[in-house]
PDB file of N, CA and C in Angstrom:
ATOM      1  N   MET A   1       0.889  -1.069  -0.079  1.00  0.00           N
ATOM      2  CA  MET A   1       0.153   0.067   0.112  1.00  0.00           C
ATOM      3  C   MET A   1       0.760   1.378   0.012  1.00  0.00           C
ATOM      4  N   PRO A   2       0.786   2.134  -0.824  1.00  0.00           N
ATOM      5  CA  PRO A   2       1.829   3.183  -1.031  1.00  0.00           C
ATOM      6  C   PRO A   2       1.038   4.247   0.085  1.00  0.00           C
ATOM      7  N   PHE A   3       2.374   4.670   1.129  1.00  0.00           N
ATOM      8  CA  PHE A   3       1.935   5.681   1.834  1.00  0.00           C
ATOM      9  C   PHE A   3       3.215   6.441   1.756  1.00  0.00           C
ATOM     10  N   ASN A   4       3.275   7.666   2.616  1.00  0.00           N
ATOM     11  CA  ASN A   4       4.475   8.216   2.650  1.00  0.00           C
ATOM     12  C   ASN A   4       4.762   8.903   3.959  1.00  0.00           C
ATOM     13  N   VAL A   5       5.754   8.549   4.430  1.00  0.00           N
ATOM     14  CA  VAL A   5       6.118   8.884   5.988  1.00  0.00           C
ATOM     15  C   VAL A   5       7.180   9.928   6.075  1.00  0.00           C
ATOM     16  N   ARG A   6       6.855  10.954   6.802  1.00  0.00           N
ATOM     17  CA  ARG A   6       7.563  12.551   6.572  1.00  0.00           C
ATOM     18  C   ARG A   6       7.788  12.696   8.171  1.00  0.00           C
ATOM     19  N   HIS A   7       8.436  13.759   8.176  1.00  0.00           N
ATOM     20  CA  HIS A   7       8.720  14.653   9.612  1.00  0.00           C
ATOM     21  C   HIS A   7       7.542  15.313   9.973  1.00  0.00           C
ATOM     22  N   GLY A   8       6.973  15.602  11.280  1.00  0.00           N
ATOM     23  CA  GLY A   8       5.832  16.026  11.506  1.00  0.00           C
ATOM     24  C   GLY A   8       6.107  17.529  11.596  1.00  0.00           C
ATOM     25  N   ARG A   9       5.180  18.037  10.757  1.00  0.00           N
ATOM     26  CA  ARG A   9       5.188  19.791  11.176  1.00  0.00           C
ATOM     27  C   ARG A   9       4.698  20.262  12.276  1.00  0.00           C
ATOM     28  N   PRO A  10       5.101  21.442  12.711  1.00  0.00           N
ATOM     29  CA  PRO A  10       5.108  22.007  14.092  1.00  0.00           C
ATOM     30  C   PRO A  10       3.834  21.942  14.554  1.00  0.00           C
ATOM     31  N   GLY A  11       2.732  22.011  14.217  1.00  0.00           N
ATOM     32  CA  GLY A  11       1.409  22.158  14.293  1.00  0.00           C
ATOM     33  C   GLY A  11       0.810  20.777  14.361  1.00  0.00           C
ATOM     34  N   GLU A  12       1.287  19.553  13.616  1.00  0.00           N
ATOM     35  CA  GLU A  12       0.768  18.208  14.046  1.00  0.00           C
ATOM     36  C   GLU A  12       0.989  17.467  15.426  1.00  0.00           C
ATOM     37  N   LYS A  13       2.025  18.093  16.277  1.00  0.00           N
ATOM     38  CA  LYS A  13       2.643  17.802  17.388  1.00  0.00           C
ATOM     39  C   LYS A  13       2.897  16.265  17.319  1.00  0.00           C
ATOM     40  N   ALA A  14       3.954  15.800  16.211  1.00  0.00           N
ATOM     41  CA  ALA A  14       4.089  14.641  16.185  1.00  0.00           C
ATOM     42  C   ALA A  14       5.972  14.794  15.412  1.00  0.00           C
ATOM     43  N   ASP A  15       6.479  13.464  15.813  1.00  0.00           N
ATOM     44  CA  ASP A  15       7.882  13.414  15.449  1.00  0.00           C
ATOM     45  C   ASP A  15       7.866  12.942  13.706  1.00  0.00           C
ATOM     46  N   LEU A  16       7.009  12.153  13.808  1.00  0.00           N
ATOM     47  CA  LEU A  16       6.960  10.929  12.021  1.00  0.00           C
ATOM     48  C   LEU A  16       5.093  10.995  12.282  1.00  0.00           C
ATOM     49  N   VAL A  17       4.793  11.463  10.418  1.00  0.00           N
ATOM     50  CA  VAL A  17       3.731  11.272  10.142  1.00  0.00           C
ATOM     51  C   VAL A  17       3.818  10.364   8.797  1.00  0.00           C
ATOM     52  N   ALA A  18       2.582   9.486   8.703  1.00  0.00           N
ATOM     53  CA  ALA A  18       2.487   8.670   7.484  1.00  0.00           C
ATOM     54  C   ALA A  18       1.003   8.995   7.184  1.00  0.00           C
ATOM     55  N   ASP A  19       1.096   9.536   5.608  1.00  0.00           N
ATOM     56  CA  ASP A  19      -0.106   9.967   4.977  1.00  0.00           C
ATOM     57  C   ASP A  19      -0.180   9.056   4.114  1.00  0.00           C
ATOM     58  N   CYS A  20      -1.690   8.661   3.786  1.00  0.00           N
ATOM     59  CA  CYS A  20      -2.033   7.895   2.842  1.00  0.00           C
ATOM     60  C   CYS A  20      -3.552   8.616   2.308  1.00  0.00           C
ATOM     61  N   GLU A  21      -3.624   8.203   1.129  1.00  0.00           N
ATOM     62  CA  GLU A  21      -5.045   9.010   0.026  1.00  0.00           C
ATOM     63  C   GLU A  21      -5.100   7.617  -0.883  1.00  0.00           C
ATOM     64  N   ILE A  22      -6.650   7.341  -0.712  1.00  0.00           N
ATOM     65  CA  ILE A  22      -6.929   6.399  -1.384  1.00  0.00           C
ATOM     66  C   ILE A  22      -8.399   7.244  -2.251  1.00  0.00           C
ATOM     67  N   PRO A  23      -8.494   7.570  -3.259  1.00  0.00           N
ATOM     68  CA  PRO A  23      -8.983   8.552  -3.973  1.00  0.00           C
ATOM     69  C   PRO A  23     -10.280   7.328  -4.948  1.00  0.00           C
ATOM     70  N   GLN A  24     -10.264   6.397  -4.379  1.00  0.00           N
ATOM     71  CA  GLN A  24     -11.180   5.511  -5.191  1.00  0.00           C
ATOM     72  C   GLN A  24     -12.477   5.548  -4.018  1.00  0.00           C
ATOM     73  N   VAL A  25     -12.154   5.536  -2.969  1.00  0.00           N
ATOM     74  CA  VAL A  25     -13.217   5.653  -1.839  1.00  0.00           C
ATOM     75  C   VAL A  25     -12.964   6.893  -0.701  1.00  0.00           C
ATOM     76  N   GLN A  26     -12.353   8.092  -1.539  1.00  0.00           N
ATOM     77  CA  GLN A  26     -12.276   9.132  -0.875  1.00  0.00           C
ATOM     78  C   GLN A  26     -11.926   9.310   0.632  1.00  0.00           C
ATOM     79  N   LEU A  27     -11.122   8.481   0.682  1.00  0.00           N
ATOM     80  CA  LEU A  27     -10.447   8.263   2.125  1.00  0.00           C
ATOM     81  C   LEU A  27      -8.843   8.958   2.432  1.00  0.00           C
ATOM     82  N   THR A  28      -8.877   9.589   3.209  1.00  0.00           N
ATOM     83  CA  THR A  28      -7.473   9.935   3.609  1.00  0.00           C
ATOM     84  C   THR A  28      -7.070   9.574   5.000  1.00  0.00           C
ATOM     85  N   LEU A  29      -5.682   8.836   5.372  1.00  0.00           N
ATOM     86  CA  LEU A  29      -5.609   8.471   6.841  1.00  0.00           C
ATOM     87  C   LEU A  29      -4.340   8.782   6.979  1.00  0.00           C
ATOM     88  N   ARG A  30      -3.969   9.206   8.286  1.00  0.00           N
ATOM     89  CA  ARG A  30      -2.889  10.227   8.957  1.00  0.00           C
ATOM     90  C   ARG A  30      -2.506   9.272   9.707  1.00  0.00           C
ATOM     91  N   THR A  31      -1.452   8.835  10.332  1.00  0.00           N
ATOM     92  CA  THR A  31      -0.720   8.188  11.399  1.00  0.00           C
ATOM     93  C   THR A  31       0.221   8.984  11.860  1.00  0.00           C
ATOM     94  N   ARG A  32      -0.344   9.594  13.184  1.00  0.00           N
ATOM     95  CA  ARG A  32       0.689  10.723  13.958  1.00  0.00           C
ATOM     96  C   ARG A  32       1.313  10.032  14.778  1.00  0.00           C
ATOM     97  N   MET A  33       3.102   9.975  14.844  1.00  0.00           N
ATOM     98  CA  MET A  33       3.758   8.943  15.855  1.00  0.00           C
ATOM     99  C   MET A  33       4.764  10.160  16.553  1.00  0.00           C
ATOM    100  N   ARG A  34       4.922   9.808  17.969  1.00  0.00           N
ATOM    101  CA  ARG A  34       5.447  10.654  18.865  1.00  0.00           C
ATOM    102  C   ARG A  34       6.714   9.882  19.496  1.00  0.00           C
ATOM    103  N   LEU A  35       7.748  10.391  19.206  1.00  0.00           N
ATOM    104  CA  LEU A  35       8.682   9.088  19.852  1.00  0.00           C
ATOM    105  C   LEU A  35       9.235   9.301  21.302  1.00  0.00           C
ATOM    106  N   VAL A  36       9.136   8.167  21.785  1.00  0.00           N
ATOM    107  CA  VAL A  36       9.193   8.487  23.502  1.00  0.00           C
ATOM    108  C   VAL A  36      10.734   8.059  23.738  1.00  0.00           C
ATOM    109  N   PRO A  37      12.163   8.412  23.445  1.00  0.00           N
ATOM    110  CA  PRO A  37      13.138   7.632  23.352  1.00  0.00           C
ATOM    111  C   PRO A  37      13.124   7.011  25.036  1.00  0.00           C
ATOM    112  N   ALA A  38      13.279   7.807  26.052  1.00  0.00           N
ATOM    113  CA  ALA A  38      13.343   7.316  27.340  1.00  0.00           C
ATOM    114  C   ALA A  38      12.836   5.934  27.644  1.00  0.00           C
ATOM    115  N   LYS A  39      11.714   5.823  27.285  1.00  0.00           N
ATOM    116  CA  LYS A  39      11.081   4.600  27.199  1.00  0.00           C
ATOM    117  C   LYS A  39      10.850   3.770  26.303  1.00  0.00           C
ATOM    118  N   ARG A  40      11.754   4.040  25.182  1.00  0.00           N
ATOM    119  CA  ARG A  40      11.709   3.111  23.803  1.00  0.00           C
ATOM    120  C   ARG A  40      10.170   3.074  23.132  1.00  0.00           C
ATOM    121  N   GLU A  41       9.494   3.802  23.459  1.00  0.00           N
ATOM    122  CA  GLU A  41       8.033   3.625  22.845  1.00  0.00           C
ATOM    123  C   GLU A  41       7.381   4.704  21.593  1.00  0.00           C
ATOM    124  N   VAL A  42       6.766   4.581  21.323  1.00  0.00           N
ATOM    125  CA  VAL A  42       6.285   5.254  20.086  1.00  0.00           C
ATOM    126  C   VAL A  42       4.677   5.516  20.202  1.00  0.00           C
ATOM    127  N   LEU A  43       4.184   6.738  20.395  1.00  0.00           N
ATOM    128  CA  LEU A  43       3.012   6.988  20.780  1.00  0.00           C
ATOM    129  C   LEU A  43       2.056   7.073  19.479  1.00  0.00           C
ATOM    130  N   VAL A  44       1.251   6.258  19.089  1.00  0.00           N
ATOM    131  CA  VAL A  44       0.448   6.849  17.835  1.00  0.00           C
ATOM    132  C   VAL A  44      -1.192   7.131  18.013  1.00  0.00           C
ATOM    133  N   LEU A  45      -1.321   7.821  16.882  1.00  0.00           N
ATOM    134  CA  LEU A  45      -2.539   8.645  16.791  1.00  0.00           C
ATOM    135  C   LEU A  45      -3.069   8.565  15.535  1.00  0.00           C
ATOM    136  N   GLU A  46      -4.278   7.279  15.101  1.00  0.00           N
ATOM    137  CA  GLU A  46      -4.261   7.488  13.854  1.00  0.00           C
ATOM    138  C   GLU A  46      -5.778   7.839  13.663  1.00  0.00           C
ATOM    139  N   GLU A  47      -5.890   8.424  12.395  1.00  0.00           N
ATOM    140  CA  GLU A  47      -6.726   9.379  12.139  1.00  0.00           C
ATOM    141  C   GLU A  47      -7.334   9.267  10.962  1.00  0.00           C
ATOM    142  N   ARG A  48      -8.640   9.170  10.695  1.00  0.00           N
ATOM    143  CA  ARG A  48      -9.060   9.028   9.125  1.00  0.00           C
ATOM    144  C   ARG A  48     -10.279   9.688   8.751  1.00  0.00           C
ATOM    145  N   TRP A  49     -10.722  10.245   7.365  1.00  0.00           N
ATOM    146  CA  TRP A  49     -11.531  11.018   7.016  1.00  0.00           C
ATOM    147  C   TRP A  49     -11.721  10.440   5.875  1.00  0.00           C
ATOM    148  N   GLU A  50     -13.093  10.136   5.910  1.00  0.00           N
ATOM    149  CA  GLU A  50     -13.962   9.251   4.605  1.00  0.00           C
ATOM    150  C   GLU A  50     -15.326  10.046   4.608  1.00  0.00           C
ATOM    151  N   PRO A  51     -15.725   9.657   3.501  1.00  0.00           N
ATOM    152  CA  PRO A  51     -17.120  10.215   2.932  1.00  0.00           C
ATOM    153  C   PRO A  51     -18.199   9.968   4.161  1.00  0.00           C
ATOM    154  N   SER A  52     -18.978  10.837   4.054  1.00  0.00           N
ATOM    155  CA  SER A  52     -20.161  10.580   5.071  1.00  0.00           C
ATOM    156  C   SER A  52     -21.429  11.378   4.255  1.00  0.00           C
ATOM    157  N   PRO A  53     -22.719  10.498   4.291  1.00  0.00           N
ATOM    158  CA  PRO A  53     -23.744  10.745   3.666  1.00  0.00           C
ATOM    159  C   PRO A  53     -24.691  12.149   4.057  1.00  0.00           C
ATOM    160  N   GLU A  54     -24.347  12.310   5.699  1.00  0.00           N
ATOM    161  CA  GLU A  54     -24.786  13.597   6.122  1.00  0.00           C
ATOM    162  C   GLU A  54     -24.078  14.707   5.827  1.00  0.00           C
ATOM    163  N   SER A  55     -23.035  14.578   5.832  1.00  0.00           N
ATOM    164  CA  SER A  55     -21.846  15.711   6.393  1.00  0.00           C
ATOM    165  C   SER A  55     -20.924  15.695   5.087  1.00  0.00           C
ATOM    166  N   GLY A  56     -20.556  15.327   4.240  1.00  0.00           N
ATOM    167  CA  GLY A  56     -19.921  15.070   3.302  1.00  0.00           C
ATOM    168  C   GLY A  56     -18.437  14.048   3.524  1.00  0.00           C
ATOM    169  N   ARG A  57     -17.784  14.725   4.932  1.00  0.00           N
ATOM    170  CA  ARG A  57     -16.815  14.044   5.151  1.00  0.00           C
ATOM    171  C   ARG A  57     -17.103  13.772   6.547  1.00  0.00           C
ATOM    172  N   GLN A  58     -16.294  12.629   6.984  1.00  0.00           N
ATOM    173  CA  GLN A  58     -16.182  12.310   8.481  1.00  0.00           C
ATOM    174  C   GLN A  58     -15.001  12.075   9.081  1.00  0.00           C
ATOM    175  N   TYR A  59     -14.496  12.383   9.912  1.00  0.00           N
ATOM    176  CA  TYR A  59     -13.248  12.189  10.639  1.00  0.00           C
ATOM    177  C   TYR A  59     -13.722  11.181  11.919  1.00  0.00           C
ATOM    178  N   GLY A  60     -12.468  10.471  12.004  1.00  0.00           N
ATOM    179  CA  GLY A  60     -12.697   9.095  13.346  1.00  0.00           C
ATOM    180  C   GLY A  60     -11.336   9.222  13.048  1.00  0.00           C
ATOM    181  N   ARG A  61     -11.013   8.162  14.550  1.00  0.00           N
ATOM    182  CA  ARG A  61      -9.914   7.927  15.234  1.00  0.00           C
ATOM    183  C   ARG A  61      -9.683   6.580  15.452  1.00  0.00           C
ATOM    184  N   GLY A  62      -8.717   5.960  15.335  1.00  0.00           N
ATOM    185  CA  GLY A  62      -7.907   4.370  15.825  1.00  0.00           C
ATOM    186  C   GLY A  62      -9.094   3.431  15.226  1.00  0.00           C
ATOM    187  N   GLY A  63      -8.595   2.008  15.462  1.00  0.00           N
ATOM    188  CA  GLY A  63      -8.940   1.006  14.808  1.00  0.00           C
ATOM    189  C   GLY A  63      -9.193   0.718  13.351  1.00  0.00           C
ATOM    190  N   SER A  64      -9.262  -0.291  13.090  1.00  0.00           N
ATOM    191  CA  SER A  64      -8.918  -0.659  11.742  1.00  0.00           C
ATOM    192  C   SER A  64     -10.510  -0.779  11.071  1.00  0.00           C
ATOM    193  N   LYS A  65     -10.370  -0.964   9.786  1.00  0.00           N
ATOM    194  CA  LYS A  65     -11.733  -0.678   8.988  1.00  0.00           C
ATOM    195  C   LYS A  65     -11.498  -1.061   7.647  1.00  0.00           C
ATOM    196  N   VAL A  66     -12.191  -1.681   6.688  1.00  0.00           N
ATOM    197  CA  VAL A  66     -11.956  -2.448   5.784  1.00  0.00           C
ATOM    198  C   VAL A  66     -13.268  -1.877   4.449  1.00  0.00           C
ATOM    199  N   TYR A  67     -12.610  -0.871   3.353  1.00  0.00           N
ATOM    200  CA  TYR A  67     -13.602  -0.542   2.553  1.00  0.00           C
ATOM    201  C   TYR A  67     -13.458  -1.351   1.577  1.00  0.00           C
ATOM    202  N   ARG A  68     -14.642  -1.430   0.943  1.00  0.00           N
ATOM    203  CA  ARG A  68     -14.575  -2.120  -0.255  1.00  0.00           C
ATOM    204  C   ARG A  68     -15.485  -1.382  -1.446  1.00  0.00           C
ATOM    205  N   GLN A  69     -15.490  -1.601  -2.463  1.00  0.00           N
ATOM    206  CA  GLN A  69     -16.331  -1.215  -3.342  1.00  0.00           C
ATOM    207  C   GLN A  69     -16.649  -2.568  -4.450  1.00  0.00           C
ATOM    208  N   TRP A  70     -17.517  -2.436  -4.580  1.00  0.00           N
ATOM    209  CA  TRP A  70     -18.183  -3.563  -5.632  1.00  0.00           C
ATOM    210  C   TRP A  70     -19.257  -3.284  -7.153  1.00  0.00           C
ATOM    211  N   GLU A  71     -18.945  -4.429  -8.150  1.00  0.00           N
ATOM    212  CA  GLU A  71     -19.555  -3.873  -9.228  1.00  0.00           C
ATOM    213  C   GLU A  71     -20.257  -5.126  -9.738  1.00  0.00           C
ATOM    214  N   LEU A  72     -21.655  -4.913 -10.254  1.00  0.00           N
ATOM    215  CA  LEU A  72     -22.166  -5.703 -10.900  1.00  0.00           C
ATOM    216  C   LEU A  72     -21.684  -5.945 -12.247  1.00  0.00           C
ATOM    217  N   ARG A  73     -21.428  -7.614 -12.161  1.00  0.00           N
ATOM    218  CA  ARG A  73     -20.696  -7.757 -13.398  1.00  0.00           C
ATOM    219  C   ARG A  73     -22.006  -9.036 -14.204  1.00  0.00           C
ATOM    220  N   ARG A  74     -21.827  -9.401 -15.452  1.00  0.00           N
ATOM    221  CA  ARG A  74     -22.783 -10.598 -15.987  1.00  0.00           C
ATOM    222  C   ARG A  74     -21.696 -11.936 -15.703  1.00  0.00           C
ATOM    223  N   GLY A  75     -22.170 -12.608 -15.364  1.00  0.00           N
ATOM    224  CA  GLY A  75     -21.123 -14.034 -15.475  1.00  0.00           C
ATOM    225  C   GLY A  75     -21.223 -14.755 -16.550  1.00  0.00           C
ATOM    226  N   GLY A  76     -20.759 -15.954 -16.406  1.00  0.00           N
ATOM    227  CA  GLY A  76     -20.604 -17.027 -17.955  1.00  0.00           C
ATOM    228  C   GLY A  76     -21.989 -17.626 -17.950  1.00  0.00           C
ATOM    229  N   ASP A  77     -23.055 -17.672 -16.969  1.00  0.00           N
ATOM    230  CA  ASP A  77     -24.239 -18.110 -16.970  1.00  0.00           C
ATOM    231  C   ASP A  77     -25.132 -16.902 -17.416  1.00  0.00           C
ATOM    232  N   GLY A  78     -24.998 -15.556 -17.653  1.00  0.00           N
ATOM    233  CA  GLY A  78     -25.859 -14.776 -18.352  1.00  0.00           C
ATOM    234  C   GLY A  78     -26.365 -13.994 -17.309  1.00  0.00           C
ATOM    235  N   ARG A  79     -26.089 -14.347 -15.771  1.00  0.00           N
ATOM    236  CA  ARG A  79     -26.752 -13.684 -14.660  1.00  0.00           C
ATOM    237  C   ARG A  79     -25.674 -12.623 -13.702  1.00  0.00           C
ATOM    238  N   ARG A  80     -26.243 -11.658 -13.540  1.00  0.00           N
ATOM    239  CA  ARG A  80     -25.778 -10.214 -12.729  1.00  0.00           C
ATOM    240  C   ARG A  80     -24.857 -11.018 -11.649  1.00  0.00           C
ATOM    241  N   HIS A  81     -24.015 -10.776 -11.310  1.00  0.00           N
ATOM    242  CA  HIS A  81     -23.116 -10.968 -10.048  1.00  0.00           C
ATOM    243  C   HIS A  81     -21.912  -9.719  -9.581  1.00  0.00           C
ATOM    244  N   LYS A  82     -22.294  -9.846  -8.030  1.00  0.00           N
ATOM    245  CA  LYS A  82     -21.586  -8.682  -7.432  1.00  0.00           C
ATOM    246  C   LYS A  82     -19.937  -9.382  -7.410  1.00  0.00           C
ATOM    247  N   ALA A  83     -19.070  -8.063  -7.853  1.00  0.00           N
ATOM    248  CA  ALA A  83     -17.293  -8.335  -7.850  1.00  0.00           C
ATOM    249  C   ALA A  83     -16.737  -7.477  -7.097  1.00  0.00           C
ATOM    250  N   GLU A  84     -16.421  -7.821  -6.197  1.00  0.00           N
ATOM    251  CA  GLU A  84     -15.420  -7.102  -5.834  1.00  0.00           C
ATOM    252  C   GLU A  84     -14.149  -6.202  -6.441  1.00  0.00           C
ATOM    253  N   THR A  85     -14.332  -4.663  -6.768  1.00  0.00           N
ATOM    254  CA  THR A  85     -13.569  -4.146  -7.659  1.00  0.00           C
ATOM    255  C   THR A  85     -12.435  -3.435  -6.847  1.00  0.00           C
ATOM    256  N   LEU A  86     -12.510  -3.101  -5.629  1.00  0.00           N
ATOM    257  CA  LEU A  86     -11.219  -2.441  -4.407  1.00  0.00           C
ATOM    258  C   LEU A  86     -11.712  -3.290  -3.384  1.00  0.00           C
ATOM    259  N   ARG A  87     -10.729  -3.339  -2.563  1.00  0.00           N
ATOM    260  CA  ARG A  87     -10.672  -3.935  -0.996  1.00  0.00           C
ATOM    261  C   ARG A  87      -9.209  -3.219  -0.331  1.00  0.00           C
ATOM    262  N   PHE A  88      -9.345  -2.216   0.440  1.00  0.00           N
ATOM    263  CA  PHE A  88      -8.626  -1.899   1.146  1.00  0.00           C
ATOM    264  C   PHE A  88      -8.765  -1.872   2.856  1.00  0.00           C
ATOM    265  N   ASP A  89      -7.732  -2.331   3.550  1.00  0.00           N
ATOM    266  CA  ASP A  89      -7.530  -2.510   4.700  1.00  0.00           C
ATOM    267  C   ASP A  89      -7.142  -1.363   5.266  1.00  0.00           C
ATOM    268  N   THR A  90      -7.051  -0.690   6.615  1.00  0.00           N
ATOM    269  CA  THR A  90      -6.299   0.371   6.960  1.00  0.00           C
ATOM    270  C   THR A  90      -4.966  -0.632   7.495  1.00  0.00           C
ATOM    271  N   ARG A  91      -5.224  -1.557   8.394  1.00  0.00           N
ATOM    272  CA  ARG A  91      -3.928  -2.386   8.575  1.00  0.00           C
ATOM    273  C   ARG A  91      -3.069  -2.414   7.367  1.00  0.00           C
ATOM    274  N   ASP A  92      -3.212  -2.268   6.564  1.00  0.00           N
ATOM    275  CA  ASP A  92      -2.032  -2.002   5.362  1.00  0.00           C
ATOM    276  C   ASP A  92      -0.956  -0.965   5.426  1.00  0.00           C
ATOM    277  N   VAL A  93      -1.769  -0.272   5.896  1.00  0.00           N
ATOM    278  CA  VAL A  93      -0.470   1.222   6.382  1.00  0.00           C
ATOM    279  C   VAL A  93      -0.023   0.703   7.731  1.00  0.00           C
ATOM    280  N   ARG A  94      -1.187   0.383   9.076  1.00  0.00           N
ATOM    281  CA  ARG A  94      -0.886   0.566  10.161  1.00  0.00           C
ATOM    282  C   ARG A  94       0.388  -0.662  10.448  1.00  0.00           C
ATOM    283  N   ASP A  95      -0.034  -1.903   9.741  1.00  0.00           N
ATOM    284  CA  ASP A  95       1.164  -3.260  10.291  1.00  0.00           C
ATOM    285  C   ASP A  95       2.478  -2.900  10.071  1.00  0.00           C
ATOM    286  N   PRO A  96       2.615  -2.569   8.732  1.00  0.00           N
ATOM    287  CA  PRO A  96       4.391  -2.383   8.364  1.00  0.00           C
ATOM    288  C   PRO A  96       4.720  -1.094   9.127  1.00  0.00           C
ATOM    289  N   LEU A  97       4.623  -0.005   9.874  1.00  0.00           N
ATOM    290  CA  LEU A  97       4.756   0.863  10.453  1.00  0.00           C
ATOM    291  C   LEU A  97       4.985   0.351  11.857  1.00  0.00           C
ATOM    292  N   ARG A  98       4.038  -0.445  12.319  1.00  0.00           N
ATOM    293  CA  ARG A  98       4.326  -1.531  13.666  1.00  0.00           C
ATOM    294  C   ARG A  98       5.406  -2.550  13.492  1.00  0.00           C
ATOM    295  N   ALA A  99       5.643  -3.013  12.590  1.00  0.00           N
ATOM    296  CA  ALA A  99       6.594  -3.923  12.406  1.00  0.00           C
ATOM    297  C   ALA A  99       7.796  -3.457  12.360  1.00  0.00           C
ATOM    298  N   THR A 100       8.080  -2.298  11.578  1.00  0.00           N
ATOM    299  CA  THR A 100       9.282  -1.739  11.845  1.00  0.00           C
ATOM    300  C   THR A 100       9.505  -1.093  13.218  1.00  0.00           C
ATOM    301  N   VAL A 101       8.495  -0.578  14.101  1.00  0.00           N
ATOM    302  CA  VAL A 101       8.584  -0.125  15.611  1.00  0.00           C
ATOM    303  C   VAL A 101       9.269  -1.159  16.438  1.00  0.00           C
ATOM    304  N   LEU A 102       8.470  -2.240  16.217  1.00  0.00           N
ATOM    305  CA  LEU A 102       8.428  -3.514  17.017  1.00  0.00           C
ATOM    306  C   LEU A 102      10.155  -4.082  16.601  1.00  0.00           C
ATOM    307  N   GLY A 103      10.135  -4.122  15.644  1.00  0.00           N
ATOM    308  CA  GLY A 103      11.720  -4.660  15.126  1.00  0.00           C
ATOM    309  C   GLY A 103      12.992  -4.125  15.657  1.00  0.00           C
ATOM    310  N   ALA A 104      12.557  -2.583  15.694  1.00  0.00           N
ATOM    311  CA  ALA A 104      13.617  -2.269  16.472  1.00  0.00           C
ATOM    312  C   ALA A 104      13.788  -2.078  17.732  1.00  0.00           C
ATOM    313  N   GLY A 105      12.662  -2.892  18.296  1.00  0.00           N
ATOM    314  CA  GLY A 105      12.983  -3.107  19.857  1.00  0.00           C
ATOM    315  C   GLY A 105      12.070  -2.326  20.751  1.00  0.00           C
ATOM    316  N   TRP A 106      11.516  -1.146  20.324  1.00  0.00           N
ATOM    317  CA  TRP A 106      10.736  -0.232  20.889  1.00  0.00           C
ATOM    318  C   TRP A 106       9.305  -0.817  20.746  1.00  0.00           C
ATOM    319  N   VAL A 107       8.539  -0.083  21.754  1.00  0.00           N
ATOM    320  CA  VAL A 107       6.942  -0.086  21.872  1.00  0.00           C
ATOM    321  C   VAL A 107       6.030   0.538  21.277  1.00  0.00           C
ATOM    322  N   TRP A 108       5.114   0.208  20.461  1.00  0.00           N
ATOM    323  CA  TRP A 108       3.642   0.656  19.745  1.00  0.00           C
ATOM    324  C   TRP A 108       2.978   0.836  20.983  1.00  0.00           C
ATOM    325  N   ARG A 109       2.494   1.726  21.082  1.00  0.00           N
ATOM    326  CA  ARG A 109       1.071   2.314  21.946  1.00  0.00           C
ATOM    327  C   ARG A 109       0.401   3.176  21.194  1.00  0.00           C
ATOM    328  N   GLY A 110      -1.095   2.681  20.881  1.00  0.00           N
ATOM    329  CA  GLY A 110      -1.552   3.505  20.362  1.00  0.00           C
ATOM    330  C   GLY A 110      -2.704   4.175  21.280  1.00  0.00           C
ATOM    331  N   VAL A 111      -3.107   5.739  21.159  1.00  0.00           N
ATOM    332  CA  VAL A 111      -3.664   6.516  21.311  1.00  0.00           C
ATOM    333  C   VAL A 111      -4.695   6.733  20.786  1.00  0.00           C
ATOM    334  N   LEU A 112      -6.213   7.408  21.690  1.00  0.00           N
ATOM    335  CA  LEU A 112      -7.148   7.603  21.232  1.00  0.00           C
ATOM    336  C   LEU A 112      -7.578   9.068  21.341  1.00  0.00           C
ATOM    337  N   PHE A 113      -6.702   9.967  22.221  1.00  0.00           N
ATOM    338  CA  PHE A 113      -6.961  11.244  22.294  1.00  0.00           C
ATOM    339  C   PHE A 113      -5.431  12.106  21.795  1.00  0.00           C
ATOM    340  N   ARG A 114      -5.750  13.242  21.733  1.00  0.00           N
ATOM    341  CA  ARG A 114      -5.013  14.114  20.951  1.00  0.00           C
ATOM    342  C   ARG A 114      -3.613  13.912  22.378  1.00  0.00           C
ATOM    343  N   TYR A 115      -2.394  14.193  21.955  1.00  0.00           N
ATOM    344  CA  TYR A 115      -0.939  13.830  22.506  1.00  0.00           C
ATOM    345  C   TYR A 115      -0.556  15.152  22.853  1.00  0.00           C
TER     346      TYR A 115
END
């Protein structure tokens, strides 16, 4: 899954930030990471902006979620079937980041509130 890891900007209150955009489902993911060298841990705040029927865009934090797109196609028997055209799991971004942190001997600590 393509995502970009960069240094955090002053207003983001993070040392590192991973950004990911999935235009097919209008999804934006941001993982803000603050390093705590004294404890060898990384505090992580996972944020997402996704489409909402009520307000246009909805903000959420933490947890994993799977996004799917479907299409109706005609099968060999002439009947219409649902076929999955897109599948995206937010763990596709989190897992490589977490594996890197844990592989370096640090602790990955998810937080739900701003730090």
